[in-house]
Amino acid sequence: MDYFRGCGYERIERETLPETIRQAKEVARLCPASATCTRKHLSTADTHSAEEWEAYCGT
């Protein structure tokens, strides 16, 4: 999880997902209840330079 946290993702509870996403077949049928749910606010992408993203995410 540290890798994803460094890339701006945060862990969330599955129950907090919007209903439309929870009912999507990818979530409802393919993701086990034990899967980790994460989210990323897209505005945070603008706060890091390309060099910082490369250091965080190894891209």
C-alpha atoms as a PDB file:
ATOM      1  CA  MET A   1       0.000   0.000   0.000  1.00  0.00           C
ATOM      2  CA  ASP A   2       2.946   2.372   0.540  1.00  0.00           C
ATOM      3  CA  TYR A   3       3.602   2.391  -3.204  1.00  0.00           C
ATOM      4  CA  PHE A   4       0.042   3.500  -3.982  1.00  0.00           C
ATOM      5  CA  ARG A   5      -0.036   5.990  -1.104  1.00  0.00           C
ATOM      6  CA  GLY A   6       3.104   7.545  -2.557  1.00  0.00           C
ATOM      7  CA  CYS A   7       1.249   7.889  -5.871  1.00  0.00           C
ATOM      8  CA  GLY A   8      -1.591   9.786  -4.206  1.00  0.00           C
ATOM      9  CA  TYR A   9      -4.071   6.957  -3.499  1.00  0.00           C
ATOM     10  CA  GLU A  10      -5.851   6.498  -0.194  1.00  0.00           C
ATOM     11  CA  ARG A  11      -7.522   3.392   1.200  1.00  0.00           C
ATOM     12  CA  ILE A  12     -11.312   3.593   1.580  1.00  0.00           C
ATOM     13  CA  GLU A  13     -13.975   1.227   2.862  1.00  0.00           C
ATOM     14  CA  ARG A  14     -15.859  -0.706   0.178  1.00  0.00           C
ATOM     15  CA  GLU A  15     -19.159   0.504   1.657  1.00  0.00           C
ATOM     16  CA  THR A  16     -18.233   4.105   0.798  1.00  0.00           C
ATOM     17  CA  LEU A  17     -18.106   3.389  -2.942  1.00  0.00           C
ATOM     18  CA  PRO A  18     -20.962   4.998  -4.870  1.00  0.00           C
ATOM     19  CA  GLU A  19     -23.813   2.566  -5.508  1.00  0.00           C
ATOM     20  CA  THR A  20     -23.275   2.656  -9.279  1.00  0.00           C
ATOM     21  CA  ILE A  21     -19.686   1.512  -8.846  1.00  0.00           C
ATOM     22  CA  ARG A  22     -20.549  -1.173  -6.279  1.00  0.00           C
ATOM     23  CA  GLN A  23     -23.076  -2.629  -8.721  1.00  0.00           C
ATOM     24  CA  ALA A  24     -20.704  -2.596 -11.704  1.00  0.00           C
ATOM     25  CA  LYS A  25     -19.991  -6.192 -12.717  1.00  0.00           C
ATOM     26  CA  GLU A  26     -16.246  -5.694 -12.233  1.00  0.00           C
ATOM     27  CA  VAL A  27     -16.817  -4.892  -8.571  1.00  0.00           C
ATOM     28  CA  ALA A  28     -19.933  -6.941  -7.838  1.00  0.00           C
ATOM     29  CA  ARG A  29     -18.760 -10.166  -9.493  1.00  0.00           C
ATOM     30  CA  LEU A  30     -15.003 -10.042  -9.957  1.00  0.00           C
ATOM     31  CA  CYS A  31     -13.608  -8.297  -6.866  1.00  0.00           C
ATOM     32  CA  PRO A  32     -13.638 -10.349  -3.667  1.00  0.00           C
ATOM     33  CA  ALA A  33     -14.939  -8.705  -0.514  1.00  0.00           C
ATOM     34  CA  SER A  34     -11.365  -8.793   0.808  1.00  0.00           C
ATOM     35  CA  ALA A  35     -10.060  -6.589  -2.042  1.00  0.00           C
ATOM     36  CA  THR A  36      -8.578  -3.243  -1.040  1.00  0.00           C
ATOM     37  CA  CYS A  37     -10.503  -0.224  -2.317  1.00  0.00           C
ATOM     38  CA  THR A  38      -8.600   2.952  -3.035  1.00  0.00           C
ATOM     39  CA  ARG A  39      -9.319   6.353  -4.494  1.00  0.00           C
ATOM     40  CA  LYS A  40      -7.303   9.221  -5.830  1.00  0.00           C
ATOM     41  CA  HIS A  41      -8.369  12.816  -6.144  1.00  0.00           C
ATOM     42  CA  LEU A  42      -7.293  13.849  -9.610  1.00  0.00           C
ATOM     43  CA  SER A  43      -6.473  17.369  -8.533  1.00  0.00           C
ATOM     44  CA  THR A  44      -3.553  15.973  -6.484  1.00  0.00           C
ATOM     45  CA  ALA A  45      -1.827  14.958  -9.720  1.00  0.00           C
ATOM     46  CA  ASP A  46      -1.078  18.621 -10.404  1.00  0.00           C
ATOM     47  CA  THR A  47       0.847  19.096  -7.166  1.00  0.00           C
ATOM     48  CA  HIS A  48       3.843  16.933  -8.119  1.00  0.00           C
ATOM     49  CA  SER A  49       6.485  17.429 -10.770  1.00  0.00           C
ATOM     50  CA  ALA A  50       7.227  14.705 -13.327  1.00  0.00           C
ATOM     51  CA  GLU A  51      10.425  13.910 -11.429  1.00  0.00           C
ATOM     52  CA  GLU A  52       8.496  13.449  -8.187  1.00  0.00           C
ATOM     53  CA  TRP A  53       6.000  11.099  -9.878  1.00  0.00           C
ATOM     54  CA  GLU A  54       8.856   9.079 -11.305  1.00  0.00           C
ATOM     55  CA  ALA A  55      10.457   8.801  -7.866  1.00  0.00           C
ATOM     56  CA  TYR A  56       7.154   7.831  -6.204  1.00  0.00           C
ATOM     57  CA  CYS A  57       5.773   5.508  -8.839  1.00  0.00           C
ATOM     58  CA  GLY A  58       8.844   4.313 -10.675  1.00  0.00           C
ATOM     59  CA  THR A  59       7.471   5.269 -14.098  1.00  0.00           C
END
